[in-house]
Amino acid sequence: MSERISSPRAARSPVQLAALAVGAVFVLVAILGFIPGITTDYDSLEWAGHHSGAQLLGLFNVSILHNLVHLAFGIAGLAAGTRASAARAYLIAGGVIYLILWLYGLLIDYDSDANFVPLDTADNWLHFGLGAGMVALGVLLPRLRNEPAQQMTDRQPGIIE
C-alpha cells in the first residue's frame, strides 16, 4: 500500500505559478510604494495626479492611487493562481490592461490632469514590459503539469492507494 499525498504547491501548473509570482511582485511593489526611503520624496506623496512627487526607487512616479492599483493587481494575481484558467485570464487580461496603460502614457501630457495615475517615461516602459511579459506568460505557459500522474484522472490528490 503506497500513500500519495499531493500538496497544493506541487499541484500548481506553470501558468498558476506565474500568476502567483506576478501577483506577489505587485503586492511587494505596492507595499514598497508606502515606505519612506524606498520611495523618495515620500513627503510629496499625493492621493492621485501628476502633482505627486514621490518616486519608487527614485525612478517611478507613484501616488496612493498608483500603489493601491498595484495592491489590487497583486491580490487578483494571488487569487487567480488558485486555478489554471483564472491564472491564464489574469495574465493575459492584466497584460492587455498594462499595454493599454503604456499607450495611454505615451499619448498624454505628463503635466495635465489626464495624468491622474501619475505616469512618467520610466513608468511607461515598465508598463510595456509588464504588459508584454504578462501576455507572453499567459499565452506560452502550459496550464497543466507535465507529469505522468497528471494524466491519471481517476486518482485524486490525498487518496491512499
N, C-alpha and C. Protein backbone atom coordinates (compact mmCIF):
# COMPACT_ATOMS: atom_id res chain seq x y z
N MET A 1 0.85 -1.17 0.00
CA MET A 1 0.00 0.00 0.00
C MET A 1 0.90 1.23 0.00
N SER A 2 0.74 2.06 -0.99
CA SER A 2 1.54 3.28 -1.06
C SER A 2 0.65 4.48 -0.79
N GLU A 3 1.24 5.46 -0.17
CA GLU A 3 0.49 6.66 0.15
C GLU A 3 0.94 7.78 -0.79
N ARG A 4 -0.02 8.40 -1.40
CA ARG A 4 0.30 9.51 -2.31
C ARG A 4 -0.47 10.74 -1.84
N ILE A 5 0.27 11.68 -1.32
CA ILE A 5 -0.33 12.92 -0.87
C ILE A 5 0.30 14.05 -1.66
N SER A 6 -0.52 14.85 -2.27
CA SER A 6 -0.01 15.99 -3.05
C SER A 6 -0.33 17.26 -2.30
N SER A 7 0.67 18.08 -2.16
CA SER A 7 0.44 19.39 -1.56
C SER A 7 -0.12 20.31 -2.62
N PRO A 8 -0.85 21.36 -2.21
CA PRO A 8 -1.36 22.30 -3.21
C PRO A 8 -0.25 22.93 -4.04
N ARG A 9 0.92 23.14 -3.43
CA ARG A 9 2.03 23.74 -4.17
C ARG A 9 2.51 22.83 -5.30
N ALA A 10 2.60 21.53 -5.02
CA ALA A 10 3.06 20.58 -6.03
C ALA A 10 2.05 20.44 -7.16
N ALA A 11 0.80 20.72 -6.90
CA ALA A 11 -0.25 20.53 -7.89
C ALA A 11 -0.40 21.74 -8.82
N ARG A 12 0.32 22.80 -8.57
CA ARG A 12 0.15 24.01 -9.38
C ARG A 12 0.87 23.89 -10.72
N SER A 13 0.21 24.39 -11.75
CA SER A 13 0.77 24.38 -13.09
C SER A 13 1.69 25.57 -13.27
N PRO A 14 2.50 25.56 -14.34
CA PRO A 14 3.38 26.71 -14.60
C PRO A 14 2.63 28.04 -14.73
N VAL A 15 1.47 28.04 -15.37
CA VAL A 15 0.74 29.30 -15.53
C VAL A 15 0.22 29.78 -14.16
N GLN A 16 -0.16 28.86 -13.28
CA GLN A 16 -0.59 29.25 -11.95
C GLN A 16 0.58 29.83 -11.16
N LEU A 17 1.74 29.19 -11.24
CA LEU A 17 2.92 29.70 -10.54
C LEU A 17 3.30 31.09 -11.05
N ALA A 18 3.16 31.32 -12.35
CA ALA A 18 3.48 32.63 -12.91
C ALA A 18 2.51 33.68 -12.38
N ALA A 19 1.23 33.37 -12.33
CA ALA A 19 0.24 34.33 -11.80
C ALA A 19 0.52 34.63 -10.34
N LEU A 20 0.87 33.61 -9.57
CA LEU A 20 1.20 33.81 -8.16
C LEU A 20 2.44 34.70 -8.01
N ALA A 21 3.45 34.44 -8.83
CA ALA A 21 4.68 35.23 -8.76
C ALA A 21 4.43 36.68 -9.15
N VAL A 22 3.70 36.89 -10.24
CA VAL A 22 3.39 38.26 -10.68
C VAL A 22 2.56 38.96 -9.61
N GLY A 23 1.58 38.26 -9.06
CA GLY A 23 0.76 38.84 -8.00
C GLY A 23 1.57 39.21 -6.78
N ALA A 24 2.49 38.34 -6.39
CA ALA A 24 3.34 38.62 -5.22
C ALA A 24 4.23 39.84 -5.47
N VAL A 25 4.75 39.97 -6.68
CA VAL A 25 5.59 41.13 -7.00
C VAL A 25 4.76 42.41 -6.94
N PHE A 26 3.54 42.38 -7.45
CA PHE A 26 2.68 43.56 -7.38
C PHE A 26 2.38 43.95 -5.93
N VAL A 27 2.10 42.96 -5.08
CA VAL A 27 1.86 43.25 -3.66
C VAL A 27 3.10 43.87 -3.04
N LEU A 28 4.27 43.31 -3.33
CA LEU A 28 5.51 43.84 -2.80
C LEU A 28 5.73 45.29 -3.27
N VAL A 29 5.51 45.56 -4.54
CA VAL A 29 5.69 46.91 -5.08
C VAL A 29 4.71 47.87 -4.41
N ALA A 30 3.49 47.42 -4.18
CA ALA A 30 2.50 48.27 -3.51
C ALA A 30 2.97 48.65 -2.11
N ILE A 31 3.47 47.67 -1.38
CA ILE A 31 3.96 47.92 -0.02
C ILE A 31 5.17 48.86 -0.06
N LEU A 32 6.11 48.58 -0.96
CA LEU A 32 7.31 49.42 -1.06
C LEU A 32 6.96 50.86 -1.41
N GLY A 33 5.88 51.06 -2.15
CA GLY A 33 5.45 52.40 -2.51
C GLY A 33 5.01 53.24 -1.33
N PHE A 34 4.80 52.60 -0.18
CA PHE A 34 4.39 53.31 1.03
C PHE A 34 5.52 53.40 2.07
N ILE A 35 6.73 53.02 1.68
CA ILE A 35 7.84 53.03 2.63
C ILE A 35 8.79 54.19 2.31
N PRO A 36 8.88 55.15 3.24
CA PRO A 36 9.82 56.26 3.03
C PRO A 36 11.25 55.73 2.90
N GLY A 37 12.00 56.33 2.03
CA GLY A 37 13.37 55.89 1.77
C GLY A 37 13.42 55.02 0.53
N ILE A 38 12.58 54.00 0.49
CA ILE A 38 12.46 53.20 -0.73
C ILE A 38 11.70 54.02 -1.76
N THR A 39 10.72 54.77 -1.26
CA THR A 39 10.02 55.75 -2.08
C THR A 39 10.61 57.12 -1.73
N THR A 40 11.31 57.71 -2.68
CA THR A 40 11.94 59.00 -2.44
C THR A 40 10.90 60.11 -2.47
N ASP A 41 11.21 61.22 -1.83
CA ASP A 41 10.29 62.35 -1.73
C ASP A 41 8.92 61.90 -1.22
N TYR A 42 8.95 61.00 -0.24
CA TYR A 42 7.73 60.42 0.30
C TYR A 42 6.79 61.50 0.85
N ASP A 43 7.34 62.58 1.36
CA ASP A 43 6.51 63.65 1.91
C ASP A 43 5.67 64.35 0.84
N SER A 44 5.97 64.12 -0.43
CA SER A 44 5.16 64.72 -1.50
C SER A 44 4.21 63.70 -2.15
N LEU A 45 4.02 62.54 -1.47
CA LEU A 45 3.09 61.52 -1.97
C LEU A 45 1.67 62.07 -1.90
N GLU A 46 0.99 62.09 -3.01
CA GLU A 46 -0.38 62.60 -3.11
C GLU A 46 -1.34 61.44 -3.34
N TRP A 47 -2.63 61.72 -3.17
CA TRP A 47 -3.65 60.70 -3.43
C TRP A 47 -3.58 60.25 -4.89
N ALA A 48 -3.56 61.19 -5.81
CA ALA A 48 -3.50 60.88 -7.25
C ALA A 48 -3.02 62.12 -7.99
N GLY A 49 -2.76 61.96 -9.25
CA GLY A 49 -2.41 63.10 -10.09
C GLY A 49 -0.93 63.32 -10.26
N HIS A 50 -0.63 64.17 -11.22
CA HIS A 50 0.76 64.43 -11.59
C HIS A 50 1.49 65.29 -10.58
N HIS A 51 0.81 65.78 -9.58
CA HIS A 51 1.46 66.61 -8.57
C HIS A 51 2.21 65.78 -7.53
N SER A 52 1.96 64.47 -7.51
CA SER A 52 2.67 63.60 -6.57
C SER A 52 4.14 63.53 -7.01
N GLY A 53 5.03 63.94 -6.12
CA GLY A 53 6.45 63.94 -6.45
C GLY A 53 7.19 62.72 -5.93
N ALA A 54 6.46 61.81 -5.30
CA ALA A 54 7.09 60.60 -4.75
C ALA A 54 7.48 59.66 -5.89
N GLN A 55 8.64 59.00 -5.70
CA GLN A 55 9.11 58.06 -6.73
C GLN A 55 9.61 56.78 -6.07
N LEU A 56 9.06 55.66 -6.49
CA LEU A 56 9.51 54.36 -6.02
C LEU A 56 10.91 54.13 -6.57
N LEU A 57 11.84 53.84 -5.68
CA LEU A 57 13.24 53.62 -6.03
C LEU A 57 13.88 54.85 -6.70
N GLY A 58 13.26 56.02 -6.50
CA GLY A 58 13.77 57.24 -7.10
C GLY A 58 13.60 57.29 -8.61
N LEU A 59 12.77 56.41 -9.17
CA LEU A 59 12.65 56.29 -10.62
C LEU A 59 11.22 56.34 -11.14
N PHE A 60 10.30 55.67 -10.44
CA PHE A 60 8.93 55.52 -10.93
C PHE A 60 7.98 56.39 -10.12
N ASN A 61 7.27 57.30 -10.79
CA ASN A 61 6.29 58.14 -10.09
C ASN A 61 5.22 57.26 -9.46
N VAL A 62 4.86 57.58 -8.24
CA VAL A 62 3.79 56.85 -7.55
C VAL A 62 2.90 57.83 -6.81
N SER A 63 1.71 57.37 -6.54
CA SER A 63 0.74 58.08 -5.72
C SER A 63 0.05 57.02 -4.87
N ILE A 64 -0.78 57.47 -3.98
CA ILE A 64 -1.54 56.50 -3.18
C ILE A 64 -2.39 55.64 -4.10
N LEU A 65 -3.07 56.27 -5.06
CA LEU A 65 -3.88 55.53 -6.03
C LEU A 65 -3.05 54.51 -6.80
N HIS A 66 -1.89 54.92 -7.27
CA HIS A 66 -0.99 54.04 -8.02
C HIS A 66 -0.62 52.82 -7.17
N ASN A 67 -0.26 53.06 -5.90
CA ASN A 67 0.09 51.95 -5.01
C ASN A 67 -1.10 51.03 -4.76
N LEU A 68 -2.29 51.60 -4.61
CA LEU A 68 -3.48 50.78 -4.39
C LEU A 68 -3.83 49.96 -5.62
N VAL A 69 -3.60 50.50 -6.81
CA VAL A 69 -3.82 49.73 -8.04
C VAL A 69 -2.85 48.55 -8.08
N HIS A 70 -1.59 48.78 -7.71
CA HIS A 70 -0.64 47.67 -7.65
C HIS A 70 -1.10 46.61 -6.64
N LEU A 71 -1.60 47.06 -5.51
CA LEU A 71 -2.09 46.12 -4.49
C LEU A 71 -3.26 45.30 -5.03
N ALA A 72 -4.20 45.96 -5.70
CA ALA A 72 -5.35 45.24 -6.27
C ALA A 72 -4.90 44.23 -7.33
N PHE A 73 -3.97 44.62 -8.20
CA PHE A 73 -3.45 43.69 -9.20
C PHE A 73 -2.74 42.51 -8.52
N GLY A 74 -2.05 42.79 -7.45
CA GLY A 74 -1.36 41.73 -6.73
C GLY A 74 -2.31 40.74 -6.09
N ILE A 75 -3.32 41.24 -5.42
CA ILE A 75 -4.31 40.36 -4.79
C ILE A 75 -5.03 39.55 -5.86
N ALA A 76 -5.35 40.18 -6.97
CA ALA A 76 -6.00 39.46 -8.08
C ALA A 76 -5.11 38.33 -8.59
N GLY A 77 -3.82 38.59 -8.71
CA GLY A 77 -2.90 37.55 -9.17
C GLY A 77 -2.80 36.39 -8.20
N LEU A 78 -2.76 36.70 -6.91
CA LEU A 78 -2.70 35.64 -5.89
C LEU A 78 -3.97 34.81 -5.91
N ALA A 79 -5.10 35.46 -6.07
CA ALA A 79 -6.37 34.73 -6.15
C ALA A 79 -6.46 33.92 -7.44
N ALA A 80 -6.02 34.49 -8.55
CA ALA A 80 -6.09 33.79 -9.84
C ALA A 80 -5.17 32.58 -9.88
N GLY A 81 -4.11 32.60 -9.09
CA GLY A 81 -3.17 31.49 -9.07
C GLY A 81 -3.73 30.20 -8.53
N THR A 82 -4.95 30.22 -8.03
CA THR A 82 -5.56 29.00 -7.49
C THR A 82 -6.12 28.09 -8.57
N ARG A 83 -6.39 28.64 -9.76
CA ARG A 83 -6.92 27.84 -10.88
C ARG A 83 -6.19 28.21 -12.16
N ALA A 84 -5.87 27.23 -12.97
CA ALA A 84 -5.12 27.47 -14.20
C ALA A 84 -5.86 28.40 -15.15
N SER A 85 -7.15 28.20 -15.31
CA SER A 85 -7.91 29.05 -16.25
C SER A 85 -7.94 30.49 -15.75
N ALA A 86 -8.10 30.68 -14.45
CA ALA A 86 -8.10 32.04 -13.89
C ALA A 86 -6.71 32.66 -14.00
N ALA A 87 -5.67 31.87 -13.81
CA ALA A 87 -4.30 32.37 -13.91
C ALA A 87 -4.01 32.86 -15.32
N ARG A 88 -4.41 32.06 -16.31
CA ARG A 88 -4.20 32.44 -17.71
C ARG A 88 -4.97 33.73 -18.02
N ALA A 89 -6.23 33.81 -17.60
CA ALA A 89 -7.04 35.00 -17.85
C ALA A 89 -6.43 36.23 -17.18
N TYR A 90 -5.95 36.07 -15.94
CA TYR A 90 -5.32 37.17 -15.21
C TYR A 90 -4.09 37.68 -15.96
N LEU A 91 -3.23 36.77 -16.39
CA LEU A 91 -2.00 37.18 -17.07
C LEU A 91 -2.30 37.87 -18.40
N ILE A 92 -3.20 37.30 -19.17
CA ILE A 92 -3.49 37.88 -20.48
C ILE A 92 -4.26 39.20 -20.33
N ALA A 93 -5.33 39.20 -19.56
CA ALA A 93 -6.13 40.42 -19.40
C ALA A 93 -5.32 41.51 -18.69
N GLY A 94 -4.60 41.13 -17.65
CA GLY A 94 -3.76 42.11 -16.94
C GLY A 94 -2.68 42.67 -17.85
N GLY A 95 -2.10 41.82 -18.66
CA GLY A 95 -1.09 42.27 -19.62
C GLY A 95 -1.66 43.24 -20.63
N VAL A 96 -2.86 42.96 -21.12
CA VAL A 96 -3.51 43.86 -22.08
C VAL A 96 -3.80 45.21 -21.40
N ILE A 97 -4.25 45.17 -20.15
CA ILE A 97 -4.50 46.42 -19.42
C ILE A 97 -3.22 47.24 -19.30
N TYR A 98 -2.11 46.58 -18.98
CA TYR A 98 -0.84 47.31 -18.87
C TYR A 98 -0.36 47.83 -20.22
N LEU A 99 -0.63 47.12 -21.30
CA LEU A 99 -0.27 47.63 -22.63
C LEU A 99 -1.13 48.84 -23.00
N ILE A 100 -2.40 48.83 -22.61
CA ILE A 100 -3.26 49.99 -22.84
C ILE A 100 -2.76 51.17 -22.00
N LEU A 101 -2.37 50.90 -20.76
CA LEU A 101 -1.84 51.96 -19.90
C LEU A 101 -0.55 52.53 -20.49
N TRP A 102 0.28 51.67 -21.09
CA TRP A 102 1.51 52.12 -21.76
C TRP A 102 1.16 53.09 -22.88
N LEU A 103 0.20 52.69 -23.73
CA LEU A 103 -0.22 53.57 -24.83
C LEU A 103 -0.80 54.88 -24.30
N TYR A 104 -1.60 54.80 -23.27
CA TYR A 104 -2.17 56.00 -22.64
C TYR A 104 -1.06 56.93 -22.18
N GLY A 105 -0.06 56.36 -21.53
CA GLY A 105 1.06 57.15 -21.03
C GLY A 105 1.86 57.81 -22.14
N LEU A 106 1.91 57.17 -23.31
CA LEU A 106 2.62 57.77 -24.44
C LEU A 106 1.86 58.95 -25.04
N LEU A 107 0.53 58.94 -24.90
CA LEU A 107 -0.30 59.94 -25.56
C LEU A 107 -0.62 61.17 -24.72
N ILE A 108 -0.54 61.05 -23.40
CA ILE A 108 -0.95 62.17 -22.55
C ILE A 108 0.20 63.14 -22.28
N ASP A 109 -0.16 64.33 -21.89
CA ASP A 109 0.80 65.32 -21.41
C ASP A 109 1.01 65.05 -19.92
N TYR A 110 2.24 64.83 -19.50
CA TYR A 110 2.52 64.48 -18.11
C TYR A 110 2.10 65.56 -17.13
N ASP A 111 2.00 66.79 -17.57
CA ASP A 111 1.63 67.90 -16.69
C ASP A 111 0.14 68.22 -16.72
N SER A 112 -0.65 67.39 -17.36
CA SER A 112 -2.08 67.64 -17.46
C SER A 112 -2.86 66.81 -16.44
N ASP A 113 -4.13 67.15 -16.28
CA ASP A 113 -4.99 66.39 -15.38
C ASP A 113 -5.25 64.97 -15.89
N ALA A 114 -4.97 64.73 -17.17
CA ALA A 114 -5.12 63.38 -17.71
C ALA A 114 -4.11 62.41 -17.09
N ASN A 115 -3.05 62.94 -16.52
CA ASN A 115 -2.03 62.11 -15.87
C ASN A 115 -2.42 61.88 -14.41
N PHE A 116 -3.52 61.20 -14.21
CA PHE A 116 -4.08 61.02 -12.88
C PHE A 116 -3.43 59.89 -12.10
N VAL A 117 -2.62 59.05 -12.73
CA VAL A 117 -2.10 57.85 -12.05
C VAL A 117 -0.98 58.14 -11.04
N PRO A 118 0.07 58.78 -11.18
CA PRO A 118 0.74 59.52 -12.24
C PRO A 118 1.70 58.63 -13.04
N LEU A 119 1.99 59.05 -14.25
CA LEU A 119 2.88 58.31 -15.14
C LEU A 119 4.06 59.19 -15.53
N ASP A 120 5.16 58.53 -15.85
CA ASP A 120 6.32 59.21 -16.43
C ASP A 120 6.96 58.24 -17.42
N THR A 121 8.04 58.63 -18.03
CA THR A 121 8.68 57.79 -19.06
C THR A 121 9.08 56.44 -18.50
N ALA A 122 9.67 56.41 -17.31
CA ALA A 122 10.08 55.13 -16.70
C ALA A 122 8.86 54.23 -16.47
N ASP A 123 7.77 54.81 -15.97
CA ASP A 123 6.54 54.03 -15.77
C ASP A 123 6.03 53.46 -17.09
N ASN A 124 6.06 54.30 -18.13
CA ASN A 124 5.56 53.84 -19.43
C ASN A 124 6.30 52.60 -19.91
N TRP A 125 7.61 52.62 -19.86
CA TRP A 125 8.36 51.48 -20.38
C TRP A 125 8.29 50.28 -19.45
N LEU A 126 8.12 50.53 -18.16
CA LEU A 126 7.86 49.42 -17.24
C LEU A 126 6.51 48.80 -17.56
N HIS A 127 5.50 49.62 -17.82
CA HIS A 127 4.18 49.10 -18.16
C HIS A 127 4.22 48.30 -19.46
N PHE A 128 5.01 48.75 -20.42
CA PHE A 128 5.16 47.99 -21.66
C PHE A 128 5.77 46.61 -21.36
N GLY A 129 6.84 46.59 -20.59
CA GLY A 129 7.48 45.32 -20.25
C GLY A 129 6.57 44.40 -19.47
N LEU A 130 5.85 44.96 -18.51
CA LEU A 130 4.90 44.16 -17.73
C LEU A 130 3.81 43.60 -18.62
N GLY A 131 3.25 44.45 -19.46
CA GLY A 131 2.17 44.02 -20.33
C GLY A 131 2.61 42.92 -21.28
N ALA A 132 3.71 43.14 -21.96
CA ALA A 132 4.21 42.14 -22.91
C ALA A 132 4.58 40.85 -22.19
N GLY A 133 5.23 40.98 -21.03
CA GLY A 133 5.63 39.80 -20.27
C GLY A 133 4.45 39.00 -19.75
N MET A 134 3.43 39.70 -19.22
CA MET A 134 2.26 39.00 -18.71
C MET A 134 1.51 38.29 -19.82
N VAL A 135 1.32 38.95 -20.96
CA VAL A 135 0.63 38.30 -22.08
C VAL A 135 1.42 37.08 -22.54
N ALA A 136 2.73 37.23 -22.66
CA ALA A 136 3.57 36.10 -23.08
C ALA A 136 3.46 34.93 -22.11
N LEU A 137 3.51 35.21 -20.82
CA LEU A 137 3.37 34.14 -19.83
C LEU A 137 2.01 33.46 -19.95
N GLY A 138 0.96 34.26 -20.09
CA GLY A 138 -0.38 33.69 -20.18
C GLY A 138 -0.60 32.85 -21.43
N VAL A 139 0.04 33.24 -22.52
CA VAL A 139 -0.14 32.52 -23.78
C VAL A 139 0.79 31.31 -23.87
N LEU A 140 2.01 31.45 -23.41
CA LEU A 140 3.02 30.41 -23.65
C LEU A 140 3.12 29.33 -22.59
N LEU A 141 2.80 29.65 -21.35
CA LEU A 141 2.97 28.64 -20.29
C LEU A 141 1.86 27.60 -20.33
N PRO A 142 2.22 26.35 -20.08
CA PRO A 142 1.19 25.30 -20.07
C PRO A 142 0.28 25.43 -18.85
N ARG A 143 -0.93 24.98 -19.03
CA ARG A 143 -1.90 25.01 -17.94
C ARG A 143 -1.77 23.79 -17.03
N LEU A 144 -1.17 22.73 -17.53
CA LEU A 144 -1.06 21.51 -16.75
C LEU A 144 0.39 21.17 -16.48
N ARG A 145 0.62 20.41 -15.41
CA ARG A 145 1.96 19.92 -15.14
C ARG A 145 2.28 18.82 -16.15
N ASN A 146 3.52 18.70 -16.51
CA ASN A 146 3.94 17.67 -17.46
C ASN A 146 4.44 16.46 -16.69
N GLU A 147 3.56 15.87 -15.90
CA GLU A 147 3.91 14.69 -15.11
C GLU A 147 2.95 13.57 -15.45
N PRO A 148 3.43 12.32 -15.46
CA PRO A 148 2.54 11.20 -15.76
C PRO A 148 1.36 11.12 -14.80
N ALA A 149 1.55 11.49 -13.55
CA ALA A 149 0.46 11.42 -12.57
C ALA A 149 -0.69 12.34 -12.96
N GLN A 150 -0.42 13.40 -13.69
CA GLN A 150 -1.47 14.33 -14.10
C GLN A 150 -2.45 13.66 -15.04
N GLN A 151 -2.00 12.68 -15.81
CA GLN A 151 -2.84 12.01 -16.79
C GLN A 151 -3.77 10.99 -16.14
N MET A 152 -3.53 10.67 -14.90
CA MET A 152 -4.34 9.67 -14.21
C MET A 152 -5.53 10.39 -13.57
N THR A 153 -6.57 10.65 -14.37
CA THR A 153 -7.68 11.49 -13.92
C THR A 153 -8.55 10.80 -12.87
N ASP A 154 -8.47 9.47 -12.76
CA ASP A 154 -9.33 8.80 -11.79
C ASP A 154 -8.73 8.83 -10.39
N ARG A 155 -7.50 9.27 -10.23
CA ARG A 155 -6.87 9.37 -8.92
C ARG A 155 -6.89 10.81 -8.47
N GLN A 156 -7.15 11.00 -7.20
CA GLN A 156 -7.22 12.35 -6.66
C GLN A 156 -6.13 12.53 -5.62
N PRO A 157 -5.59 13.75 -5.52
CA PRO A 157 -4.56 14.03 -4.51
C PRO A 157 -5.09 13.72 -3.11
N GLY A 158 -4.22 13.13 -2.31
CA GLY A 158 -4.56 12.85 -0.92
C GLY A 158 -5.20 11.50 -0.71
N ILE A 159 -5.49 10.76 -1.79
CA ILE A 159 -6.11 9.44 -1.68
C ILE A 159 -5.04 8.39 -1.42
N ILE A 160 -5.28 7.54 -0.47
CA ILE A 160 -4.36 6.45 -0.17
C ILE A 160 -4.72 5.29 -1.08
N GLU A 161 -3.71 4.79 -1.79
CA GLU A 161 -3.94 3.68 -2.74
C GLU A 161 -3.53 2.38 -2.14
